[in-house]
C-alpha cells in the first residue's frame, strides 16, 4: 500500500492553544492518484479543515476533490452553509464529491461542522479524561450532482480533545480504536489506515488534536 503522510502544528495566540494535526492517505491502486483530498486553512481566528472524497477513483475523482478544495481555499468562512454552496457550484461538471468541513474556534473551544455524502467525523476526549464521543451529522447527496443542503452543528472542542475525519475508504470500525493521549496524531493516522483502510477504495484519515501550548 503506497501511503502518503503529512503532519504539523498550528499555534493560536488567543487562549494559548495549538492544533497538532496529521493525515495519511493511499490510492485504490498503487501507482495511481488518490481521489481524496484535504485542506487546512487559517480563516481569521478559526481553522478551516476539510476532507473531500471524489466519486469513484483515479484522475476523475481527484479532479472533483481538487475542485472542491480549490473553492474552499478562498471562500469566506463566516457561514458553513455558504462554504458548501460555493463548493457545490465549483464541482458542477465533475463526477461530484462528498465533503466534510469543520470550522475550529480555539478561543471558544468549539467546532462548527457538517458533511454531505459519506465522510465520517468524530470528536472525542483523550484519556484519561474520556467523556465519550460525538459524530458529525451527514446529509445524503453529492456535491456537483445533488446538493440537499447541510445540517451544521456546533460541538465543544476543548483542549485535550481530538477531531478525526475519514473518507469512506476507511471502515467505520476505526471508532473502536480512537487515539489516546499516549499516541501522537501522526502515529495514530498511520496505524488507523493500516488497520481499517479498505484495499478496494481510495482512503484518507485526518486527525487534529487540540492542546494547550507549553509556557
Protein backbone atom coordinates (compact mmCIF):
# COMPACT_ATOMS: atom_id res chain seq x y z
CA UNK A 1 0.00 0.00 0.00
CA UNK A 2 1.54 3.33 -1.11
CA UNK A 3 0.77 5.63 1.82
CA UNK A 4 1.47 9.37 1.83
CA UNK A 5 1.54 11.18 5.16
CA UNK A 6 1.96 14.71 6.48
CA UNK A 7 1.73 16.42 9.85
CA UNK A 8 2.22 19.75 11.57
CA UNK A 9 1.26 22.06 14.42
CA UNK A 10 -0.66 25.36 14.27
CA UNK A 11 -0.34 27.78 17.19
CA UNK A 12 -3.04 30.24 18.27
CA UNK A 13 -2.17 33.26 20.39
CA UNK A 14 -5.66 33.59 21.88
CA UNK A 15 -6.16 31.05 24.61
CA UNK A 16 -2.57 29.79 24.39
CA UNK A 17 -3.50 26.65 22.49
CA UNK A 18 -2.30 24.78 19.41
CA UNK A 19 -3.72 22.27 16.94
CA UNK A 20 -1.47 19.29 16.24
CA UNK A 21 -2.55 17.54 13.06
CA UNK A 22 -1.64 14.57 10.90
CA UNK A 23 -3.02 12.98 7.74
CA UNK A 24 -2.43 9.67 5.96
CA UNK A 25 -3.87 8.58 2.63
CA UNK A 26 -3.47 5.92 -0.04
CA UNK A 27 -4.93 5.41 -3.52
CA UNK A 28 -7.07 2.46 -4.57
CA UNK A 29 -4.29 1.16 -6.81
CA UNK A 30 -0.54 1.51 -6.34
CA UNK A 31 0.87 3.99 -8.83
CA UNK A 32 -2.48 5.73 -9.28
CA UNK A 33 -3.62 9.10 -7.90
CA UNK A 34 -5.79 9.36 -4.80
CA UNK A 35 -9.33 10.65 -5.32
CA UNK A 36 -9.45 12.06 -1.77
CA UNK A 37 -8.05 15.42 -0.72
CA UNK A 38 -7.84 17.53 2.42
CA UNK A 39 -7.33 21.18 3.35
CA UNK A 40 -6.22 23.08 6.46
CA UNK A 41 -6.56 26.85 6.25
CA UNK A 42 -6.49 29.64 8.80
CA UNK A 43 -9.57 31.82 8.39
CA UNK A 44 -9.30 34.74 10.79
CA UNK A 45 -9.37 33.37 14.33
CA UNK A 46 -10.61 29.98 13.15
CA UNK A 47 -9.09 26.99 11.40
CA UNK A 48 -10.96 25.51 8.44
CA UNK A 49 -10.46 21.79 7.99
CA UNK A 50 -11.95 19.89 5.04
CA UNK A 51 -11.89 16.38 3.63
CA UNK A 52 -13.21 15.82 0.08
CA UNK A 53 -13.84 12.40 -1.48
CA UNK A 54 -14.27 12.47 -5.26
CA UNK A 55 -16.74 9.95 -6.71
CA UNK A 56 -15.01 6.78 -7.89
CA UNK A 57 -11.23 6.67 -8.14
CA UNK A 58 -8.40 7.80 -10.39
CA UNK A 59 -7.95 11.13 -12.13
CA UNK A 60 -11.67 11.91 -12.42
CA UNK A 61 -12.14 11.51 -8.68
CA UNK A 62 -9.03 13.55 -7.96
CA UNK A 63 -10.24 16.36 -10.25
CA UNK A 64 -13.57 16.54 -8.39
CA UNK A 65 -11.91 16.58 -4.96
CA UNK A 66 -9.38 19.20 -6.07
CA UNK A 67 -12.11 21.46 -7.50
CA UNK A 68 -13.92 21.24 -4.18
CA UNK A 69 -10.86 22.16 -2.14
CA UNK A 70 -9.83 24.96 -4.52
CA UNK A 71 -13.19 26.60 -3.81
CA UNK A 72 -12.61 26.31 -0.06
CA UNK A 73 -9.15 27.86 -0.31
CA UNK A 74 -10.63 31.33 -0.88
CA UNK A 75 -14.27 31.18 0.29
CA UNK A 76 -15.38 33.21 3.30
CA UNK A 77 -15.63 31.08 6.42
CA UNK A 78 -18.38 33.17 8.02
CA UNK A 79 -21.12 30.65 7.15
CA UNK A 80 -20.64 26.92 6.81
CA UNK A 81 -23.73 26.71 4.60
CA UNK A 82 -22.15 29.20 2.17
CA UNK A 83 -18.93 27.16 2.22
CA UNK A 84 -20.83 24.12 0.95
CA UNK A 85 -22.81 26.11 -1.59
CA UNK A 86 -19.61 27.55 -3.05
CA UNK A 87 -18.00 24.11 -3.21
CA UNK A 88 -21.11 22.66 -4.92
CA UNK A 89 -21.02 25.32 -7.63
CA UNK A 90 -17.30 24.76 -8.25
CA UNK A 91 -17.71 20.97 -8.56
CA UNK A 92 -20.50 21.18 -11.16
CA UNK A 93 -19.40 19.42 -14.34
CA UNK A 94 -17.15 16.94 -12.49
CA UNK A 95 -18.04 13.50 -11.14
CA UNK A 96 -19.01 15.13 -7.86
CA UNK A 97 -17.66 14.72 -4.35
CA UNK A 98 -18.53 14.04 -0.73
CA UNK A 99 -17.30 16.73 1.66
CA UNK A 100 -16.86 17.31 5.38
CA UNK A 101 -15.93 20.74 6.74
CA UNK A 102 -15.03 21.69 10.31
CA UNK A 103 -14.51 25.28 11.46
CA UNK A 104 -12.43 25.11 14.64
CA UNK A 105 -12.55 28.10 17.01
CA UNK A 106 -9.83 27.63 19.66
CA UNK A 107 -10.91 30.74 21.57
CA UNK A 108 -14.43 29.39 22.05
CA UNK A 109 -13.15 25.80 22.36
CA UNK A 110 -15.77 24.75 19.83
CA UNK A 111 -16.14 23.43 16.29
CA UNK A 112 -18.91 24.01 13.75
CA UNK A 113 -19.06 21.16 11.26
CA UNK A 114 -21.19 19.46 8.63
CA UNK A 115 -20.92 16.79 5.93
CA UNK A 116 -22.56 15.91 2.63
CA UNK A 117 -22.06 12.34 1.49
CA UNK A 118 -20.19 9.50 3.11
CA UNK A 119 -17.41 11.23 5.05
CA UNK A 120 -17.06 10.38 8.74
CA UNK A 121 -16.30 12.80 11.54
CA UNK A 122 -15.76 12.13 15.26
CA UNK A 123 -14.72 14.25 18.25
CA UNK A 124 -13.55 12.53 21.41
CA UNK A 125 -11.76 13.38 24.63
CA UNK A 126 -8.29 11.97 25.08
CA UNK A 127 -7.95 9.51 28.04
CA UNK A 128 -7.71 9.55 30.98
CA UNK A 129 -10.50 12.17 30.85
CA UNK A 130 -12.61 10.28 28.31
CA UNK A 131 -16.18 11.59 28.09
CA UNK A 132 -17.42 9.62 25.11
CA UNK A 133 -17.54 10.92 21.57
CA UNK A 134 -19.77 12.90 19.19
CA UNK A 135 -20.20 12.24 15.48
CA UNK A 136 -20.75 14.58 12.55
CA UNK A 137 -24.25 14.73 11.03
CA UNK A 138 -24.07 13.52 7.43
CA UNK A 139 -26.57 14.70 4.84
CA UNK A 140 -27.10 12.47 1.81
CA UNK A 141 -26.12 13.80 -1.59
CA UNK A 142 -23.12 14.51 -3.80
CA UNK A 143 -21.71 17.99 -4.33
CA UNK A 144 -21.80 18.89 -8.01
CA UNK A 145 -24.63 16.44 -8.65
CA UNK A 146 -27.27 16.72 -5.92
CA UNK A 147 -26.88 19.17 -3.05
CA UNK A 148 -29.63 18.91 -0.41
CA UNK A 149 -28.17 21.50 1.96
CA UNK A 150 -26.32 20.79 5.19
CA UNK A 151 -27.06 20.19 8.85
CA UNK A 152 -24.41 22.25 10.70
CA UNK A 153 -23.77 21.52 14.36
CA UNK A 154 -21.66 23.22 16.99
CA UNK A 155 -19.79 20.85 19.29
CA UNK A 156 -17.43 21.50 22.20
CA UNK A 157 -13.77 21.05 21.24
CA UNK A 158 -11.71 21.99 24.31
CA UNK A 159 -8.03 21.18 24.83
CA UNK A 160 -7.19 17.51 25.28
CA UNK A 161 -9.72 16.53 22.61
CA UNK A 162 -9.17 15.16 19.12
CA UNK A 163 -11.17 15.54 15.91
CA UNK A 164 -10.98 12.83 13.23
CA UNK A 165 -12.24 12.98 9.63
CA UNK A 166 -12.17 9.87 7.43
CA UNK A 167 -13.27 9.09 3.87
CA UNK A 168 -15.44 6.04 3.13
CA UNK A 169 -12.29 4.13 2.18
CA UNK A 170 -11.75 3.77 5.94
CA UNK A 171 -14.00 1.33 7.78
CA UNK A 172 -16.27 2.84 10.41
CA UNK A 173 -14.75 0.37 12.83
CA UNK A 174 -11.94 2.91 13.29
CA UNK A 175 -14.19 4.37 16.00
CA UNK A 176 -13.34 1.31 18.10
CA UNK A 177 -9.70 2.41 18.30
CA UNK A 178 -9.74 6.21 18.63
CA UNK A 179 -6.49 7.95 19.64
CA UNK A 180 -5.12 8.00 23.16
CA UNK A 181 -3.07 10.72 24.81
CA UNK A 182 -0.01 8.45 24.57
CA UNK A 183 -0.03 8.25 20.75
CA UNK A 184 0.83 11.35 18.65
CA UNK A 185 -1.60 12.05 15.76
CA UNK A 186 0.97 11.08 13.09
CA UNK A 187 1.42 7.62 14.62
CA UNK A 188 -2.31 7.10 15.04
CA UNK A 189 -3.31 8.01 11.45
CA UNK A 190 -0.72 5.60 10.05
CA UNK A 191 -1.94 2.83 12.34
CA UNK A 192 -5.59 3.61 11.55
CA UNK A 193 -5.06 3.49 7.80
CA UNK A 194 -3.10 0.25 8.01
CA UNK A 195 -5.75 -1.40 10.20
CA UNK A 196 -9.03 0.00 8.87
CA UNK A 197 -8.24 1.15 5.30
CA UNK A 198 -10.12 -0.67 2.53
CA UNK A 199 -7.90 -2.01 -0.24
CA UNK A 200 -10.61 -1.52 -2.88
CA UNK A 201 -11.01 2.25 -2.39
CA UNK A 202 -9.08 5.49 -2.00
CA UNK A 203 -8.65 6.13 1.70
CA UNK A 204 -7.77 9.11 3.88
CA UNK A 205 -7.79 9.81 7.61
CA UNK A 206 -7.11 13.22 9.16
CA UNK A 207 -6.68 13.82 12.90
CA UNK A 208 -6.45 17.13 14.78
CA UNK A 209 -5.55 17.33 18.47
CA UNK A 210 -6.38 20.47 20.49
CA UNK A 211 -3.60 21.03 23.03
CA UNK A 212 -2.51 23.77 25.43
CA UNK A 213 0.78 25.36 24.49
CA UNK A 214 3.73 24.99 26.83
CA UNK A 215 4.50 28.10 28.94
